[in-house]
PDB file of all heavy atoms in Angstrom:
ATOM      1  N   CYS A   1       0.800   3.942   4.349  1.00  0.00           N
ATOM      2  CA  CYS A   1      -0.099   2.805   4.515  1.00  0.00           C
ATOM      3  C   CYS A   1      -0.214   2.080   3.187  1.00  0.00           C
ATOM      4  O   CYS A   1      -0.118   2.703   2.129  1.00  0.00           O
ATOM      5  CB  CYS A   1      -1.461   3.314   4.975  1.00  0.00           C
ATOM      6  SG  CYS A   1      -2.679   2.017   5.238  1.00  0.00           S
ATOM      7  N   ILE A   2      -0.450   0.770   3.221  1.00  0.00           N
ATOM      8  CA  ILE A   2      -0.630   0.055   1.955  1.00  0.00           C
ATOM      9  C   ILE A   2      -2.030   0.276   1.381  1.00  0.00           C
ATOM     10  O   ILE A   2      -2.270  -0.007   0.206  1.00  0.00           O
ATOM     11  CB  ILE A   2      -0.342  -1.456   2.085  1.00  0.00           C
ATOM     12  CG1 ILE A   2      -1.350  -2.150   3.002  1.00  0.00           C
ATOM     13  CG2 ILE A   2       1.085  -1.690   2.560  1.00  0.00           C
ATOM     14  CD1 ILE A   2      -1.271  -3.667   2.936  1.00  0.00           C
ATOM     15  N   GLY A   3      -2.941   0.794   2.188  1.00  0.00           N
ATOM     16  CA  GLY A   3      -4.292   1.106   1.727  1.00  0.00           C
ATOM     17  C   GLY A   3      -4.770   2.375   2.403  1.00  0.00           C
ATOM     18  O   GLY A   3      -4.067   3.386   2.416  1.00  0.00           O
ATOM     19  N   ASP A   4      -5.968   2.344   2.991  1.00  0.00           N
ATOM     20  CA  ASP A   4      -6.445   3.443   3.833  1.00  0.00           C
ATOM     21  C   ASP A   4      -5.926   3.222   5.252  1.00  0.00           C
ATOM     22  O   ASP A   4      -5.619   2.092   5.658  1.00  0.00           O
ATOM     23  CB  ASP A   4      -7.975   3.473   3.851  1.00  0.00           C
ATOM     24  CG  ASP A   4      -8.552   4.157   2.625  1.00  0.00           C
ATOM     25  OD1 ASP A   4      -7.773   4.513   1.723  1.00  0.00           O
ATOM     26  OD2 ASP A   4      -9.788   4.328   2.567  1.00  0.00           O
ATOM     27  N   TRP A   5      -5.870   4.293   6.026  1.00  0.00           N
ATOM     28  CA  TRP A   5      -5.426   4.147   7.410  1.00  0.00           C
ATOM     29  C   TRP A   5      -6.356   3.217   8.175  1.00  0.00           C
ATOM     30  O   TRP A   5      -5.909   2.308   8.877  1.00  0.00           O
ATOM     31  CB  TRP A   5      -5.364   5.514   8.093  1.00  0.00           C
ATOM     32  CG  TRP A   5      -4.269   6.392   7.585  1.00  0.00           C
ATOM     33  CD1 TRP A   5      -4.397   7.583   6.917  1.00  0.00           C
ATOM     34  CD2 TRP A   5      -2.853   6.174   7.687  1.00  0.00           C
ATOM     35  NE1 TRP A   5      -3.162   8.108   6.603  1.00  0.00           N
ATOM     36  CE2 TRP A   5      -2.199   7.261   7.061  1.00  0.00           C
ATOM     37  CE3 TRP A   5      -2.078   5.159   8.246  1.00  0.00           C
ATOM     38  CZ2 TRP A   5      -0.806   7.360   6.997  1.00  0.00           C
ATOM     39  CZ3 TRP A   5      -0.697   5.253   8.172  1.00  0.00           C
ATOM     40  CH2 TRP A   5      -0.078   6.343   7.560  1.00  0.00           C
ATOM     41  N   HIS A   6      -7.647   3.464   8.082  1.00  0.00           N
ATOM     42  CA  HIS A   6      -8.632   2.539   8.645  1.00  0.00           C
ATOM     43  C   HIS A   6      -9.059   1.563   7.550  1.00  0.00           C
ATOM     44  O   HIS A   6      -9.207   1.954   6.394  1.00  0.00           O
ATOM     45  CB  HIS A   6      -9.857   3.298   9.170  1.00  0.00           C
ATOM     46  CG  HIS A   6      -9.593   4.147  10.367  1.00  0.00           C
ATOM     47  ND1 HIS A   6      -9.405   5.506  10.286  1.00  0.00           N
ATOM     48  CD2 HIS A   6      -9.481   3.829  11.672  1.00  0.00           C
ATOM     49  CE1 HIS A   6      -9.198   5.997  11.499  1.00  0.00           C
ATOM     50  NE2 HIS A   6      -9.232   5.000  12.354  1.00  0.00           N
ATOM     51  N   TYR A   7      -9.277   0.325   7.936  1.00  0.00           N
ATOM     52  CA  TYR A   7      -9.551  -0.713   6.949  1.00  0.00           C
ATOM     53  C   TYR A   7     -10.715  -0.326   6.037  1.00  0.00           C
ATOM     54  O   TYR A   7     -11.753   0.151   6.496  1.00  0.00           O
ATOM     55  CB  TYR A   7      -9.869  -2.044   7.643  1.00  0.00           C
ATOM     56  CG  TYR A   7      -9.929  -3.191   6.668  1.00  0.00           C
ATOM     57  CD1 TYR A   7      -8.782  -3.895   6.317  1.00  0.00           C
ATOM     58  CD2 TYR A   7     -11.132  -3.543   6.052  1.00  0.00           C
ATOM     59  CE1 TYR A   7      -8.832  -4.931   5.397  1.00  0.00           C
ATOM     60  CE2 TYR A   7     -11.186  -4.577   5.130  1.00  0.00           C
ATOM     61  CZ  TYR A   7     -10.036  -5.265   4.803  1.00  0.00           C
ATOM     62  OH  TYR A   7     -10.086  -6.285   3.874  1.00  0.00           O
ATOM     63  N   ASN A   8     -10.515  -0.551   4.739  1.00  0.00           N
ATOM     64  CA  ASN A   8     -11.517  -0.203   3.737  1.00  0.00           C
ATOM     65  C   ASN A   8     -11.708  -1.390   2.799  1.00  0.00           C
ATOM     66  O   ASN A   8     -10.806  -1.732   2.038  1.00  0.00           O
ATOM     67  CB  ASN A   8     -11.058   1.034   2.946  1.00  0.00           C
ATOM     68  CG  ASN A   8     -12.140   1.574   2.032  1.00  0.00           C
ATOM     69  OD1 ASN A   8     -13.139   0.906   1.759  1.00  0.00           O
ATOM     70  ND2 ASN A   8     -11.954   2.791   1.550  1.00  0.00           N
ATOM     71  N   ARG A   9     -12.857  -2.010   2.877  1.00  0.00           N
ATOM     72  CA  ARG A   9     -13.125  -3.190   2.043  1.00  0.00           C
ATOM     73  C   ARG A   9     -13.094  -2.852   0.554  1.00  0.00           C
ATOM     74  O   ARG A   9     -12.780  -3.710  -0.277  1.00  0.00           O
ATOM     75  CB  ARG A   9     -14.496  -3.780   2.406  1.00  0.00           C
ATOM     76  CG  ARG A   9     -14.772  -5.150   1.779  1.00  0.00           C
ATOM     77  CD  ARG A   9     -13.833  -6.200   2.342  1.00  0.00           C
ATOM     78  NE  ARG A   9     -14.071  -7.519   1.758  1.00  0.00           N
ATOM     79  CZ  ARG A   9     -13.413  -8.621   2.101  1.00  0.00           C
ATOM     80  NH1 ARG A   9     -12.470  -8.548   3.031  1.00  0.00           N
ATOM     81  NH2 ARG A   9     -13.694  -9.774   1.538  1.00  0.00           N
ATOM     82  N   ASP A  10     -13.396  -1.627   0.212  1.00  0.00           N
ATOM     83  CA  ASP A  10     -13.370  -1.210  -1.185  1.00  0.00           C
ATOM     84  C   ASP A  10     -11.949  -1.293  -1.757  1.00  0.00           C
ATOM     85  O   ASP A  10     -11.768  -1.623  -2.928  1.00  0.00           O
ATOM     86  CB  ASP A  10     -13.906   0.223  -1.311  1.00  0.00           C
ATOM     87  CG  ASP A  10     -14.126   0.641  -2.752  1.00  0.00           C
ATOM     88  OD1 ASP A  10     -14.945   0.001  -3.426  1.00  0.00           O
ATOM     89  OD2 ASP A  10     -13.479   1.602  -3.188  1.00  0.00           O
ATOM     90  N   VAL A  11     -10.949  -0.992  -0.938  1.00  0.00           N
ATOM     91  CA  VAL A  11      -9.558  -1.113  -1.375  1.00  0.00           C
ATOM     92  C   VAL A  11      -9.242  -2.566  -1.691  1.00  0.00           C
ATOM     93  O   VAL A  11      -8.587  -2.879  -2.692  1.00  0.00           O
ATOM     94  CB  VAL A  11      -8.598  -0.567  -0.299  1.00  0.00           C
ATOM     95  CG1 VAL A  11      -7.142  -0.823  -0.679  1.00  0.00           C
ATOM     96  CG2 VAL A  11      -8.830   0.926  -0.089  1.00  0.00           C
ATOM     97  N   TYR A  12      -9.713  -3.461  -0.861  1.00  0.00           N
ATOM     98  CA  TYR A  12      -9.533  -4.898  -1.098  1.00  0.00           C
ATOM     99  C   TYR A  12     -10.242  -5.333  -2.376  1.00  0.00           C
ATOM    100  O   TYR A  12      -9.653  -5.984  -3.245  1.00  0.00           O
ATOM    101  CB  TYR A  12     -10.079  -5.675   0.099  1.00  0.00           C
ATOM    102  CG  TYR A  12     -10.154  -7.166  -0.100  1.00  0.00           C
ATOM    103  CD1 TYR A  12      -9.084  -7.987   0.245  1.00  0.00           C
ATOM    104  CD2 TYR A  12     -11.305  -7.768  -0.622  1.00  0.00           C
ATOM    105  CE1 TYR A  12      -9.146  -9.365   0.059  1.00  0.00           C
ATOM    106  CE2 TYR A  12     -11.383  -9.137  -0.814  1.00  0.00           C
ATOM    107  CZ  TYR A  12     -10.291  -9.934  -0.473  1.00  0.00           C
ATOM    108  OH  TYR A  12     -10.373 -11.296  -0.668  1.00  0.00           O
ATOM    109  N   ASP A  13     -11.511  -4.963  -2.500  1.00  0.00           N
ATOM    110  CA  ASP A  13     -12.314  -5.420  -3.647  1.00  0.00           C
ATOM    111  C   ASP A  13     -11.748  -4.929  -4.976  1.00  0.00           C
ATOM    112  O   ASP A  13     -11.838  -5.629  -5.996  1.00  0.00           O
ATOM    113  CB  ASP A  13     -13.761  -4.931  -3.498  1.00  0.00           C
ATOM    114  CG  ASP A  13     -14.504  -5.634  -2.368  1.00  0.00           C
ATOM    115  OD1 ASP A  13     -14.083  -6.745  -1.980  1.00  0.00           O
ATOM    116  OD2 ASP A  13     -15.488  -5.061  -1.866  1.00  0.00           O
ATOM    117  N   LYS A  14     -11.164  -3.731  -4.985  1.00  0.00           N
ATOM    118  CA  LYS A  14     -10.665  -3.138  -6.230  1.00  0.00           C
ATOM    119  C   LYS A  14      -9.145  -3.275  -6.396  1.00  0.00           C
ATOM    120  O   LYS A  14      -8.564  -2.628  -7.267  1.00  0.00           O
ATOM    121  CB  LYS A  14     -11.080  -1.665  -6.288  1.00  0.00           C
ATOM    122  CG  LYS A  14     -12.597  -1.490  -6.372  1.00  0.00           C
ATOM    123  CD  LYS A  14     -13.007  -0.023  -6.410  1.00  0.00           C
ATOM    124  CE  LYS A  14     -14.523   0.111  -6.495  1.00  0.00           C
ATOM    125  NZ  LYS A  14     -14.963   1.533  -6.458  1.00  0.00           N
ATOM    126  N   ASP A  15      -8.540  -4.118  -5.567  1.00  0.00           N
ATOM    127  CA  ASP A  15      -7.102  -4.396  -5.671  1.00  0.00           C
ATOM    128  C   ASP A  15      -6.265  -3.111  -5.659  1.00  0.00           C
ATOM    129  O   ASP A  15      -5.387  -2.915  -6.502  1.00  0.00           O
ATOM    130  CB  ASP A  15      -6.796  -5.212  -6.939  1.00  0.00           C
ATOM    131  CG  ASP A  15      -7.316  -6.636  -6.848  1.00  0.00           C
ATOM    132  OD1 ASP A  15      -7.234  -7.228  -5.749  1.00  0.00           O
ATOM    133  OD2 ASP A  15      -7.806  -7.153  -7.854  1.00  0.00           O
ATOM    134  N   ARG A  16      -6.516  -2.250  -4.698  1.00  0.00           N
ATOM    135  CA  ARG A  16      -5.821  -0.972  -4.639  1.00  0.00           C
ATOM    136  C   ARG A  16      -4.741  -0.912  -3.560  1.00  0.00           C
ATOM    137  O   ARG A  16      -4.261   0.167  -3.218  1.00  0.00           O
ATOM    138  CB  ARG A  16      -6.830   0.173  -4.438  1.00  0.00           C
ATOM    139  CG  ARG A  16      -7.735   0.401  -5.653  1.00  0.00           C
ATOM    140  CD  ARG A  16      -8.465   1.730  -5.585  1.00  0.00           C
ATOM    141  NE  ARG A  16      -9.508   1.758  -4.565  1.00  0.00           N
ATOM    142  CZ  ARG A  16      -9.467   2.484  -3.456  1.00  0.00           C
ATOM    143  NH1 ARG A  16      -8.429   3.262  -3.202  1.00  0.00           N
ATOM    144  NH2 ARG A  16     -10.455   2.452  -2.585  1.00  0.00           N
ATOM    145  N   TYR A  17      -4.349  -2.061  -3.018  1.00  0.00           N
ATOM    146  CA  TYR A  17      -3.241  -2.042  -2.072  1.00  0.00           C
ATOM    147  C   TYR A  17      -1.937  -1.706  -2.790  1.00  0.00           C
ATOM    148  O   TYR A  17      -1.734  -2.086  -3.943  1.00  0.00           O
ATOM    149  CB  TYR A  17      -3.069  -3.399  -1.393  1.00  0.00           C
ATOM    150  CG  TYR A  17      -4.129  -3.738  -0.376  1.00  0.00           C
ATOM    151  CD1 TYR A  17      -4.837  -4.935  -0.436  1.00  0.00           C
ATOM    152  CD2 TYR A  17      -4.417  -2.867   0.674  1.00  0.00           C
ATOM    153  CE1 TYR A  17      -5.804  -5.263   0.499  1.00  0.00           C
ATOM    154  CE2 TYR A  17      -5.386  -3.175   1.617  1.00  0.00           C
ATOM    155  CZ  TYR A  17      -6.076  -4.374   1.521  1.00  0.00           C
ATOM    156  OH  TYR A  17      -7.038  -4.673   2.458  1.00  0.00           O
ATOM    157  N   LYS A  18      -1.046  -0.992  -2.076  1.00  0.00           N
ATOM    158  CA  LYS A  18       0.308  -0.839  -2.592  1.00  0.00           C
ATOM    159  C   LYS A  18       0.928  -2.227  -2.744  1.00  0.00           C
ATOM    160  O   LYS A  18       0.677  -3.136  -1.945  1.00  0.00           O
ATOM    161  CB  LYS A  18       1.167  -0.025  -1.624  1.00  0.00           C
ATOM    162  CG  LYS A  18       0.897   1.468  -1.594  1.00  0.00           C
ATOM    163  CD  LYS A  18       1.934   2.146  -0.705  1.00  0.00           C
ATOM    164  CE  LYS A  18       1.819   3.669  -0.731  1.00  0.00           C
ATOM    165  NZ  LYS A  18       0.712   4.157   0.107  1.00  0.00           N
ATOM    166  N   THR A  19       1.772  -2.396  -3.735  1.00  0.00           N
ATOM    167  CA  THR A  19       2.485  -3.651  -3.914  1.00  0.00           C
ATOM    168  C   THR A  19       3.699  -3.695  -2.997  1.00  0.00           C
ATOM    169  O   THR A  19       4.170  -2.656  -2.509  1.00  0.00           O
ATOM    170  CB  THR A  19       2.948  -3.816  -5.368  1.00  0.00           C
ATOM    171  OG1 THR A  19       3.891  -2.773  -5.668  1.00  0.00           O
ATOM    172  CG2 THR A  19       1.774  -3.740  -6.338  1.00  0.00           C
ATOM    173  N   ALA A  20       4.225  -4.890  -2.811  1.00  0.00           N
ATOM    174  CA  ALA A  20       5.465  -5.022  -2.043  1.00  0.00           C
ATOM    175  C   ALA A  20       6.586  -4.241  -2.711  1.00  0.00           C
ATOM    176  O   ALA A  20       7.431  -3.641  -2.030  1.00  0.00           O
ATOM    177  CB  ALA A  20       5.834  -6.498  -1.904  1.00  0.00           C
ATOM    178  N   LYS A  21       6.594  -4.214  -4.031  1.00  0.00           N
ATOM    179  CA  LYS A  21       7.620  -3.470  -4.760  1.00  0.00           C
ATOM    180  C   LYS A  21       7.550  -1.990  -4.435  1.00  0.00           C
ATOM    181  O   LYS A  21       8.589  -1.347  -4.192  1.00  0.00           O
ATOM    182  CB  LYS A  21       7.447  -3.689  -6.265  1.00  0.00           C
ATOM    183  CG  LYS A  21       8.475  -2.979  -7.136  1.00  0.00           C
ATOM    184  CD  LYS A  21       8.280  -3.323  -8.614  1.00  0.00           C
ATOM    185  CE  LYS A  21       9.333  -2.657  -9.481  1.00  0.00           C
ATOM    186  NZ  LYS A  21       9.185  -3.059 -10.915  1.00  0.00           N
ATOM    187  N   THR A  22       6.359  -1.428  -4.400  1.00  0.00           N
ATOM    188  CA  THR A  22       6.193  -0.009  -4.060  1.00  0.00           C
ATOM    189  C   THR A  22       6.684   0.263  -2.643  1.00  0.00           C
ATOM    190  O   THR A  22       7.345   1.280  -2.379  1.00  0.00           O
ATOM    191  CB  THR A  22       4.726   0.405  -4.210  1.00  0.00           C
ATOM    192  OG1 THR A  22       4.336   0.262  -5.577  1.00  0.00           O
ATOM    193  CG2 THR A  22       4.510   1.847  -3.777  1.00  0.00           C
ATOM    194  N   VAL A  23       6.361  -0.627  -1.703  1.00  0.00           N
ATOM    195  CA  VAL A  23       6.799  -0.449  -0.320  1.00  0.00           C
ATOM    196  C   VAL A  23       8.322  -0.480  -0.234  1.00  0.00           C
ATOM    197  O   VAL A  23       8.937   0.365   0.428  1.00  0.00           O
ATOM    198  CB  VAL A  23       6.180  -1.522   0.588  1.00  0.00           C
ATOM    199  CG1 VAL A  23       6.784  -1.450   1.993  1.00  0.00           C
ATOM    200  CG2 VAL A  23       4.664  -1.363   0.657  1.00  0.00           C
ATOM    201  N   VAL A  24       8.942  -1.443  -0.903  1.00  0.00           N
ATOM    202  CA  VAL A  24      10.402  -1.548  -0.877  1.00  0.00           C
ATOM    203  C   VAL A  24      11.039  -0.308  -1.484  1.00  0.00           C
ATOM    204  O   VAL A  24      12.016   0.237  -0.951  1.00  0.00           O
ATOM    205  CB  VAL A  24      10.875  -2.822  -1.601  1.00  0.00           C
ATOM    206  CG1 VAL A  24      12.390  -2.798  -1.809  1.00  0.00           C
ATOM    207  CG2 VAL A  24      10.476  -4.057  -0.808  1.00  0.00           C
ATOM    208  N   HIS A  25      10.491   0.169  -2.597  1.00  0.00           N
ATOM    209  CA  HIS A  25      11.022   1.383  -3.213  1.00  0.00           C
ATOM    210  C   HIS A  25      10.922   2.570  -2.260  1.00  0.00           C
ATOM    211  O   HIS A  25      11.849   3.391  -2.164  1.00  0.00           O
ATOM    212  CB  HIS A  25      10.270   1.687  -4.505  1.00  0.00           C
ATOM    213  CG  HIS A  25      10.701   0.853  -5.659  1.00  0.00           C
ATOM    214  ND1 HIS A  25      10.138   0.946  -6.912  1.00  0.00           N
ATOM    215  CD2 HIS A  25      11.657  -0.115  -5.764  1.00  0.00           C
ATOM    216  CE1 HIS A  25      10.720   0.098  -7.729  1.00  0.00           C
ATOM    217  NE2 HIS A  25      11.647  -0.559  -7.051  1.00  0.00           N
ATOM    218  N   THR A  26       9.811   2.687  -1.552  1.00  0.00           N
ATOM    219  CA  THR A  26       9.657   3.768  -0.577  1.00  0.00           C
ATOM    220  C   THR A  26      10.691   3.638   0.530  1.00  0.00           C
ATOM    221  O   THR A  26      11.342   4.620   0.914  1.00  0.00           O
ATOM    222  CB  THR A  26       8.246   3.755   0.020  1.00  0.00           C
ATOM    223  OG1 THR A  26       7.276   3.914  -1.027  1.00  0.00           O
ATOM    224  CG2 THR A  26       8.065   4.879   1.038  1.00  0.00           C
ATOM    225  N   LEU A  27      10.853   2.429   1.043  1.00  0.00           N
ATOM    226  CA  LEU A  27      11.824   2.195   2.105  1.00  0.00           C
ATOM    227  C   LEU A  27      13.235   2.572   1.657  1.00  0.00           C
ATOM    228  O   LEU A  27      13.950   3.301   2.355  1.00  0.00           O
ATOM    229  CB  LEU A  27      11.777   0.722   2.526  1.00  0.00           C
ATOM    230  CG  LEU A  27      12.826   0.267   3.540  1.00  0.00           C
ATOM    231  CD1 LEU A  27      12.645   0.990   4.872  1.00  0.00           C
ATOM    232  CD2 LEU A  27      12.748  -1.248   3.737  1.00  0.00           C
ATOM    233  N   VAL A  28      13.638   2.097   0.500  1.00  0.00           N
ATOM    234  CA  VAL A  28      14.989   2.367   0.000  1.00  0.00           C
ATOM    235  C   VAL A  28      15.198   3.867  -0.207  1.00  0.00           C
ATOM    236  O   VAL A  28      16.223   4.430   0.184  1.00  0.00           O
ATOM    237  CB  VAL A  28      15.244   1.592  -1.307  1.00  0.00           C
ATOM    238  CG1 VAL A  28      16.539   2.049  -1.970  1.00  0.00           C
ATOM    239  CG2 VAL A  28      15.285   0.093  -1.043  1.00  0.00           C
ATOM    240  N   ASP A  29      14.223   4.525  -0.815  1.00  0.00           N
ATOM    241  CA  ASP A  29      14.336   5.955  -1.073  1.00  0.00           C
ATOM    242  C   ASP A  29      14.444   6.752   0.217  1.00  0.00           C
ATOM    243  O   ASP A  29      15.286   7.649   0.350  1.00  0.00           O
ATOM    244  CB  ASP A  29      13.125   6.420  -1.890  1.00  0.00           C
ATOM    245  CG  ASP A  29      13.188   7.890  -2.247  1.00  0.00           C
ATOM    246  OD1 ASP A  29      14.121   8.288  -2.959  1.00  0.00           O
ATOM    247  OD2 ASP A  29      12.308   8.645  -1.791  1.00  0.00           O
ATOM    248  N   VAL A  30      13.618   6.435   1.186  1.00  0.00           N
ATOM    249  CA  VAL A  30      13.614   7.157   2.458  1.00  0.00           C
ATOM    250  C   VAL A  30      14.918   6.926   3.219  1.00  0.00           C
ATOM    251  O   VAL A  30      15.509   7.862   3.766  1.00  0.00           O
ATOM    252  CB  VAL A  30      12.384   6.735   3.294  1.00  0.00           C
ATOM    253  CG1 VAL A  30      12.503   7.227   4.726  1.00  0.00           C
ATOM    254  CG2 VAL A  30      11.106   7.275   2.662  1.00  0.00           C
ATOM    255  N   VAL A  31      15.375   5.681   3.252  1.00  0.00           N
ATOM    256  CA  VAL A  31      16.606   5.362   3.970  1.00  0.00           C
ATOM    257  C   VAL A  31      17.804   6.088   3.347  1.00  0.00           C
ATOM    258  O   VAL A  31      18.698   6.564   4.050  1.00  0.00           O
ATOM    259  CB  VAL A  31      16.833   3.836   4.010  1.00  0.00           C
ATOM    260  CG1 VAL A  31      18.239   3.496   4.503  1.00  0.00           C
ATOM    261  CG2 VAL A  31      15.791   3.180   4.904  1.00  0.00           C
TER     262      VAL A  31
END
């Protein structure tokens, strides 16, 4: 998940989402 499984406003407020770069790296590594 890019944040918590269930929506968490605290993740939004504190800019704690995974970046697109992190997601792409995960995708490439897993594939």
